[in-house]
N, C-alpha and C. Protein backbone atom coordinates (compact mmCIF):
# COMPACT_ATOMS: atom_id res chain seq x y z
N MET A 1 -2.36 -11.27 -14.70
CA MET A 1 -2.87 -10.55 -13.55
C MET A 1 -1.86 -9.48 -13.12
N ALA A 2 -2.11 -8.86 -11.99
CA ALA A 2 -1.31 -7.70 -11.58
C ALA A 2 -0.10 -8.08 -10.74
N LYS A 3 0.85 -7.15 -10.74
CA LYS A 3 2.04 -7.24 -9.91
C LYS A 3 1.86 -6.22 -8.79
N ILE A 4 1.84 -6.70 -7.54
CA ILE A 4 1.49 -5.87 -6.40
C ILE A 4 2.63 -5.85 -5.39
N LEU A 5 2.91 -4.67 -4.83
CA LEU A 5 3.90 -4.53 -3.77
C LEU A 5 3.16 -4.14 -2.49
N VAL A 6 3.37 -4.93 -1.44
CA VAL A 6 2.80 -4.66 -0.12
C VAL A 6 3.93 -4.20 0.79
N ILE A 7 3.77 -3.02 1.37
CA ILE A 7 4.78 -2.45 2.26
C ILE A 7 4.14 -2.25 3.63
N ASP A 8 4.56 -3.05 4.61
CA ASP A 8 3.96 -2.96 5.94
C ASP A 8 4.92 -3.62 6.93
N ASP A 9 5.05 -3.01 8.11
CA ASP A 9 5.92 -3.58 9.13
C ASP A 9 5.21 -4.65 9.96
N ASP A 10 3.94 -4.88 9.71
CA ASP A 10 3.18 -5.92 10.41
C ASP A 10 3.20 -7.20 9.57
N PRO A 11 3.94 -8.22 10.01
CA PRO A 11 4.05 -9.44 9.20
C PRO A 11 2.72 -10.16 8.99
N HIS A 12 1.80 -10.02 9.94
CA HIS A 12 0.50 -10.66 9.78
C HIS A 12 -0.31 -10.00 8.66
N CYS A 13 -0.23 -8.69 8.58
CA CYS A 13 -0.92 -7.96 7.51
C CYS A 13 -0.33 -8.32 6.16
N VAL A 14 0.99 -8.38 6.09
CA VAL A 14 1.65 -8.74 4.83
C VAL A 14 1.23 -10.16 4.41
N ALA A 15 1.23 -11.09 5.36
CA ALA A 15 0.87 -12.48 5.04
C ALA A 15 -0.58 -12.57 4.57
N LEU A 16 -1.48 -11.87 5.23
CA LEU A 16 -2.90 -11.87 4.83
C LEU A 16 -3.06 -11.36 3.40
N LEU A 17 -2.45 -10.23 3.11
CA LEU A 17 -2.57 -9.64 1.78
C LEU A 17 -1.91 -10.52 0.72
N LYS A 18 -0.77 -11.09 1.05
CA LYS A 18 -0.07 -11.95 0.10
C LYS A 18 -0.93 -13.17 -0.27
N ILE A 19 -1.47 -13.83 0.73
CA ILE A 19 -2.31 -15.00 0.48
C ILE A 19 -3.54 -14.63 -0.34
N ALA A 20 -4.24 -13.57 0.06
CA ALA A 20 -5.48 -13.18 -0.62
C ALA A 20 -5.23 -12.80 -2.07
N PHE A 21 -4.20 -11.98 -2.32
CA PHE A 21 -3.93 -11.54 -3.69
C PHE A 21 -3.37 -12.66 -4.55
N GLU A 22 -2.56 -13.53 -3.98
CA GLU A 22 -2.05 -14.66 -4.76
C GLU A 22 -3.17 -15.63 -5.12
N GLN A 23 -4.11 -15.85 -4.19
CA GLN A 23 -5.27 -16.70 -4.49
C GLN A 23 -6.13 -16.09 -5.59
N ALA A 24 -6.10 -14.76 -5.70
CA ALA A 24 -6.85 -14.07 -6.75
C ALA A 24 -6.07 -14.02 -8.06
N GLY A 25 -4.86 -14.62 -8.08
CA GLY A 25 -4.10 -14.73 -9.31
C GLY A 25 -3.03 -13.67 -9.53
N HIS A 26 -2.78 -12.85 -8.53
CA HIS A 26 -1.79 -11.78 -8.66
C HIS A 26 -0.42 -12.23 -8.15
N THR A 27 0.61 -11.52 -8.55
CA THR A 27 1.96 -11.75 -8.04
C THR A 27 2.22 -10.68 -6.98
N VAL A 28 2.68 -11.12 -5.80
CA VAL A 28 2.84 -10.21 -4.68
C VAL A 28 4.29 -10.19 -4.20
N PHE A 29 4.82 -8.99 -4.03
CA PHE A 29 6.13 -8.77 -3.44
C PHE A 29 5.90 -7.98 -2.16
N SER A 30 6.86 -8.01 -1.24
CA SER A 30 6.64 -7.29 0.02
C SER A 30 7.92 -6.63 0.52
N ALA A 31 7.73 -5.66 1.39
CA ALA A 31 8.81 -4.97 2.08
C ALA A 31 8.30 -4.65 3.48
N THR A 32 9.21 -4.63 4.45
CA THR A 32 8.80 -4.45 5.84
C THR A 32 9.00 -3.03 6.37
N ASP A 33 9.49 -2.13 5.53
CA ASP A 33 9.62 -0.73 5.93
C ASP A 33 9.60 0.14 4.69
N GLY A 34 9.41 1.43 4.90
CA GLY A 34 9.29 2.36 3.78
C GLY A 34 10.53 2.49 2.93
N MET A 35 11.69 2.39 3.54
CA MET A 35 12.94 2.54 2.80
C MET A 35 13.13 1.39 1.81
N SER A 36 12.99 0.16 2.28
CA SER A 36 13.15 -0.97 1.36
C SER A 36 12.00 -1.03 0.37
N GLY A 37 10.81 -0.60 0.79
CA GLY A 37 9.67 -0.56 -0.13
C GLY A 37 9.89 0.43 -1.25
N LEU A 38 10.44 1.59 -0.92
CA LEU A 38 10.72 2.59 -1.94
C LEU A 38 11.74 2.08 -2.95
N LYS A 39 12.77 1.41 -2.45
CA LYS A 39 13.80 0.87 -3.35
C LYS A 39 13.17 -0.12 -4.33
N LYS A 40 12.35 -1.05 -3.82
CA LYS A 40 11.70 -2.02 -4.70
C LYS A 40 10.79 -1.32 -5.69
N ALA A 41 10.03 -0.34 -5.21
CA ALA A 41 9.08 0.36 -6.09
C ALA A 41 9.79 1.12 -7.20
N CYS A 42 10.97 1.66 -6.90
CA CYS A 42 11.72 2.41 -7.92
C CYS A 42 12.48 1.50 -8.87
N ASP A 43 12.83 0.30 -8.40
CA ASP A 43 13.60 -0.63 -9.22
C ASP A 43 12.74 -1.44 -10.19
N GLU A 44 11.46 -1.58 -9.89
CA GLU A 44 10.58 -2.42 -10.70
C GLU A 44 9.25 -1.72 -10.94
N PHE A 45 8.50 -2.24 -11.90
CA PHE A 45 7.14 -1.75 -12.15
C PHE A 45 6.15 -2.56 -11.32
N PHE A 46 5.22 -1.88 -10.68
CA PHE A 46 4.12 -2.53 -9.97
C PHE A 46 2.82 -1.91 -10.42
N ASP A 47 1.81 -2.75 -10.62
CA ASP A 47 0.48 -2.26 -10.99
C ASP A 47 -0.19 -1.55 -9.83
N LEU A 48 0.19 -1.95 -8.60
CA LEU A 48 -0.44 -1.41 -7.40
C LEU A 48 0.52 -1.53 -6.23
N ILE A 49 0.52 -0.52 -5.38
CA ILE A 49 1.29 -0.56 -4.15
C ILE A 49 0.32 -0.35 -2.99
N ILE A 50 0.40 -1.24 -2.02
CA ILE A 50 -0.40 -1.12 -0.79
C ILE A 50 0.61 -0.83 0.32
N THR A 51 0.45 0.30 0.99
CA THR A 51 1.40 0.68 2.02
C THR A 51 0.74 1.08 3.32
N ASP A 52 1.37 0.68 4.40
CA ASP A 52 0.98 1.16 5.71
C ASP A 52 1.43 2.62 5.81
N VAL A 53 0.78 3.39 6.65
CA VAL A 53 1.16 4.79 6.81
C VAL A 53 2.25 4.91 7.87
N LEU A 54 2.11 4.22 8.98
CA LEU A 54 3.07 4.34 10.08
C LEU A 54 4.02 3.14 10.08
N MET A 55 5.29 3.41 9.73
CA MET A 55 6.31 2.36 9.65
C MET A 55 7.66 2.93 10.05
N PRO A 56 8.61 2.04 10.38
CA PRO A 56 9.97 2.51 10.66
C PRO A 56 10.73 2.85 9.38
N GLU A 57 11.86 3.50 9.54
CA GLU A 57 12.79 3.85 8.46
C GLU A 57 12.26 4.98 7.57
N LYS A 58 11.10 4.82 7.00
CA LYS A 58 10.46 5.84 6.17
C LYS A 58 8.97 5.54 6.26
N ASP A 59 8.20 6.51 6.75
CA ASP A 59 6.77 6.23 6.89
C ASP A 59 6.06 6.29 5.54
N GLY A 60 4.82 5.88 5.53
CA GLY A 60 4.07 5.81 4.29
C GLY A 60 3.86 7.14 3.61
N LEU A 61 3.77 8.22 4.39
CA LEU A 61 3.59 9.55 3.79
C LEU A 61 4.85 9.97 3.04
N GLU A 62 6.01 9.78 3.67
CA GLU A 62 7.28 10.07 3.00
C GLU A 62 7.44 9.20 1.75
N LEU A 63 7.06 7.95 1.89
CA LEU A 63 7.13 7.01 0.77
C LEU A 63 6.30 7.50 -0.41
N MET A 64 5.08 7.97 -0.13
CA MET A 64 4.21 8.44 -1.21
C MET A 64 4.76 9.69 -1.89
N ILE A 65 5.38 10.57 -1.13
CA ILE A 65 6.01 11.76 -1.73
C ILE A 65 7.09 11.32 -2.72
N GLU A 66 7.93 10.39 -2.29
CA GLU A 66 9.01 9.89 -3.16
C GLU A 66 8.45 9.12 -4.36
N LEU A 67 7.44 8.32 -4.12
CA LEU A 67 6.83 7.56 -5.23
C LEU A 67 6.30 8.50 -6.30
N LYS A 68 5.61 9.54 -5.89
CA LYS A 68 5.03 10.47 -6.86
C LYS A 68 6.12 11.20 -7.65
N ARG A 69 7.28 11.37 -7.04
CA ARG A 69 8.40 12.01 -7.73
C ARG A 69 9.01 11.07 -8.77
N HIS A 70 9.16 9.79 -8.41
CA HIS A 70 9.83 8.82 -9.29
C HIS A 70 8.86 8.04 -10.18
N LYS A 71 7.66 7.81 -9.68
CA LYS A 71 6.65 7.01 -10.40
C LYS A 71 5.30 7.71 -10.30
N PRO A 72 5.12 8.81 -11.01
CA PRO A 72 3.92 9.64 -10.83
C PRO A 72 2.60 8.94 -11.13
N ASP A 73 2.62 7.89 -11.91
CA ASP A 73 1.37 7.21 -12.26
C ASP A 73 1.05 6.01 -11.37
N VAL A 74 1.88 5.76 -10.38
CA VAL A 74 1.67 4.58 -9.54
C VAL A 74 0.36 4.70 -8.77
N LYS A 75 -0.31 3.57 -8.65
CA LYS A 75 -1.58 3.51 -7.91
C LYS A 75 -1.28 3.01 -6.50
N VAL A 76 -1.82 3.72 -5.50
CA VAL A 76 -1.50 3.42 -4.10
C VAL A 76 -2.77 3.30 -3.27
N ILE A 77 -2.79 2.25 -2.45
CA ILE A 77 -3.79 2.12 -1.38
C ILE A 77 -3.01 2.25 -0.08
N ALA A 78 -3.39 3.22 0.76
CA ALA A 78 -2.76 3.41 2.06
C ALA A 78 -3.65 2.78 3.13
N VAL A 79 -3.02 2.09 4.07
CA VAL A 79 -3.74 1.48 5.18
C VAL A 79 -3.13 1.97 6.48
N SER A 80 -3.96 2.05 7.53
CA SER A 80 -3.44 2.45 8.83
C SER A 80 -4.36 1.97 9.93
N GLY A 81 -3.73 1.57 11.01
CA GLY A 81 -4.46 1.23 12.22
C GLY A 81 -4.31 2.31 13.26
N GLY A 82 -3.61 3.38 12.89
CA GLY A 82 -3.38 4.48 13.81
C GLY A 82 -2.14 4.24 14.65
N GLY A 83 -1.96 5.03 15.62
CA GLY A 83 -0.80 5.00 16.49
C GLY A 83 -0.88 6.24 17.33
N VAL A 84 0.15 7.08 17.27
CA VAL A 84 0.12 8.35 17.97
C VAL A 84 -1.04 9.19 17.43
N LEU A 85 -1.23 9.14 16.12
CA LEU A 85 -2.38 9.80 15.49
C LEU A 85 -3.48 8.77 15.31
N HIS A 86 -4.71 9.21 15.24
CA HIS A 86 -5.81 8.31 14.95
C HIS A 86 -5.71 7.85 13.50
N ALA A 87 -6.19 6.66 13.23
CA ALA A 87 -6.13 6.11 11.88
C ALA A 87 -6.80 7.03 10.87
N GLU A 88 -7.93 7.65 11.25
CA GLU A 88 -8.63 8.53 10.32
C GLU A 88 -7.76 9.70 9.90
N ASP A 89 -7.01 10.26 10.85
CA ASP A 89 -6.13 11.38 10.54
C ASP A 89 -4.99 10.95 9.62
N CYS A 90 -4.41 9.79 9.91
CA CYS A 90 -3.34 9.26 9.05
C CYS A 90 -3.83 9.06 7.63
N LEU A 91 -5.03 8.53 7.50
CA LEU A 91 -5.57 8.21 6.17
C LEU A 91 -5.96 9.48 5.41
N LYS A 92 -6.43 10.49 6.13
CA LYS A 92 -6.72 11.78 5.46
C LYS A 92 -5.44 12.36 4.88
N MET A 93 -4.37 12.29 5.66
CA MET A 93 -3.08 12.79 5.17
C MET A 93 -2.59 11.96 3.99
N ALA A 94 -2.81 10.66 4.03
CA ALA A 94 -2.39 9.78 2.94
C ALA A 94 -3.07 10.18 1.63
N LYS A 95 -4.34 10.55 1.69
CA LYS A 95 -5.06 11.01 0.49
C LYS A 95 -4.42 12.27 -0.07
N VAL A 96 -4.05 13.19 0.83
CA VAL A 96 -3.41 14.43 0.41
C VAL A 96 -2.06 14.15 -0.25
N PHE A 97 -1.35 13.14 0.25
CA PHE A 97 -0.02 12.82 -0.25
C PHE A 97 -0.02 11.88 -1.46
N GLY A 98 -1.20 11.51 -1.95
CA GLY A 98 -1.24 10.80 -3.21
C GLY A 98 -1.89 9.43 -3.25
N ALA A 99 -2.39 8.92 -2.14
CA ALA A 99 -3.06 7.63 -2.18
C ALA A 99 -4.40 7.77 -2.91
N GLN A 100 -4.65 6.86 -3.84
CA GLN A 100 -5.93 6.89 -4.54
C GLN A 100 -7.06 6.35 -3.65
N GLN A 101 -6.71 5.41 -2.77
CA GLN A 101 -7.69 4.83 -1.85
C GLN A 101 -7.03 4.67 -0.49
N VAL A 102 -7.84 4.70 0.55
CA VAL A 102 -7.36 4.46 1.91
C VAL A 102 -8.30 3.49 2.60
N MET A 103 -7.72 2.69 3.51
CA MET A 103 -8.53 1.74 4.27
C MET A 103 -7.98 1.66 5.69
N GLN A 104 -8.89 1.65 6.64
CA GLN A 104 -8.50 1.56 8.04
C GLN A 104 -8.33 0.11 8.44
N LYS A 105 -7.27 -0.18 9.21
CA LYS A 105 -7.08 -1.53 9.76
C LYS A 105 -7.94 -1.66 11.02
N PRO A 106 -8.50 -2.80 11.27
CA PRO A 106 -8.50 -3.97 10.39
C PRO A 106 -9.49 -3.77 9.25
N PHE A 107 -9.07 -4.15 8.05
CA PHE A 107 -9.92 -3.97 6.88
C PHE A 107 -10.54 -5.30 6.49
N ASP A 108 -11.61 -5.21 5.74
CA ASP A 108 -12.27 -6.39 5.20
C ASP A 108 -11.48 -6.82 3.97
N ILE A 109 -10.99 -8.04 3.95
CA ILE A 109 -10.12 -8.48 2.85
C ILE A 109 -10.87 -8.52 1.52
N ASN A 110 -12.14 -8.84 1.54
CA ASN A 110 -12.91 -8.85 0.29
C ASN A 110 -13.06 -7.44 -0.26
N ARG A 111 -13.26 -6.47 0.63
CA ARG A 111 -13.33 -5.07 0.19
C ARG A 111 -11.99 -4.62 -0.35
N MET A 112 -10.89 -5.04 0.29
CA MET A 112 -9.55 -4.71 -0.20
C MET A 112 -9.35 -5.26 -1.61
N LEU A 113 -9.73 -6.50 -1.83
CA LEU A 113 -9.59 -7.10 -3.16
C LEU A 113 -10.41 -6.33 -4.20
N GLN A 114 -11.60 -5.93 -3.83
CA GLN A 114 -12.48 -5.18 -4.74
C GLN A 114 -11.87 -3.82 -5.08
N VAL A 115 -11.43 -3.08 -4.07
CA VAL A 115 -10.83 -1.75 -4.27
C VAL A 115 -9.58 -1.88 -5.13
N ALA A 116 -8.76 -2.88 -4.84
CA ALA A 116 -7.54 -3.09 -5.61
C ALA A 116 -7.85 -3.38 -7.07
N GLN A 117 -8.83 -4.24 -7.31
CA GLN A 117 -9.20 -4.58 -8.70
C GLN A 117 -9.71 -3.36 -9.45
N GLU A 118 -10.47 -2.51 -8.78
CA GLU A 118 -10.96 -1.29 -9.41
C GLU A 118 -9.80 -0.37 -9.82
N LEU A 119 -8.81 -0.24 -8.94
CA LEU A 119 -7.66 0.59 -9.26
C LEU A 119 -6.83 -0.01 -10.38
N ILE A 120 -6.60 -1.31 -10.32
CA ILE A 120 -5.78 -1.98 -11.33
C ILE A 120 -6.43 -1.88 -12.70
N SER A 121 -7.73 -2.06 -12.76
CA SER A 121 -8.43 -2.06 -14.03
C SER A 121 -8.80 -0.64 -14.49
N GLY A 122 -8.59 0.35 -13.63
CA GLY A 122 -8.87 1.73 -14.01
C GLY A 122 -10.33 2.11 -13.92
N GLU A 123 -11.11 1.38 -13.16
CA GLU A 123 -12.55 1.68 -13.02
C GLU A 123 -12.78 2.87 -12.15
């Protein structure tokens, strides 16, 4: 199965994704901010990266710029619940910066699993 990196400063979101993807047979690693997430992503291969857009240290948009520079083929799902900007605006920017898929929080976990599987399998 796939090796997935979840980068999010919300521990509940990380726990939800970790449980769901591990139950689906995947191996899940996590990071709580963009800086540590970028380091993990550059140090190892991941089939998929799921990242929040708004985080401390390095936000998801900065992270995606760096990822595309170091790992141009990486597949990314960006998630956002909004903040200063509305979630829709954050996710539109995430698409511009390289996310193949975007999902607004709170997301449906079954839909997340489906979208992730499509990206992993190249559908």
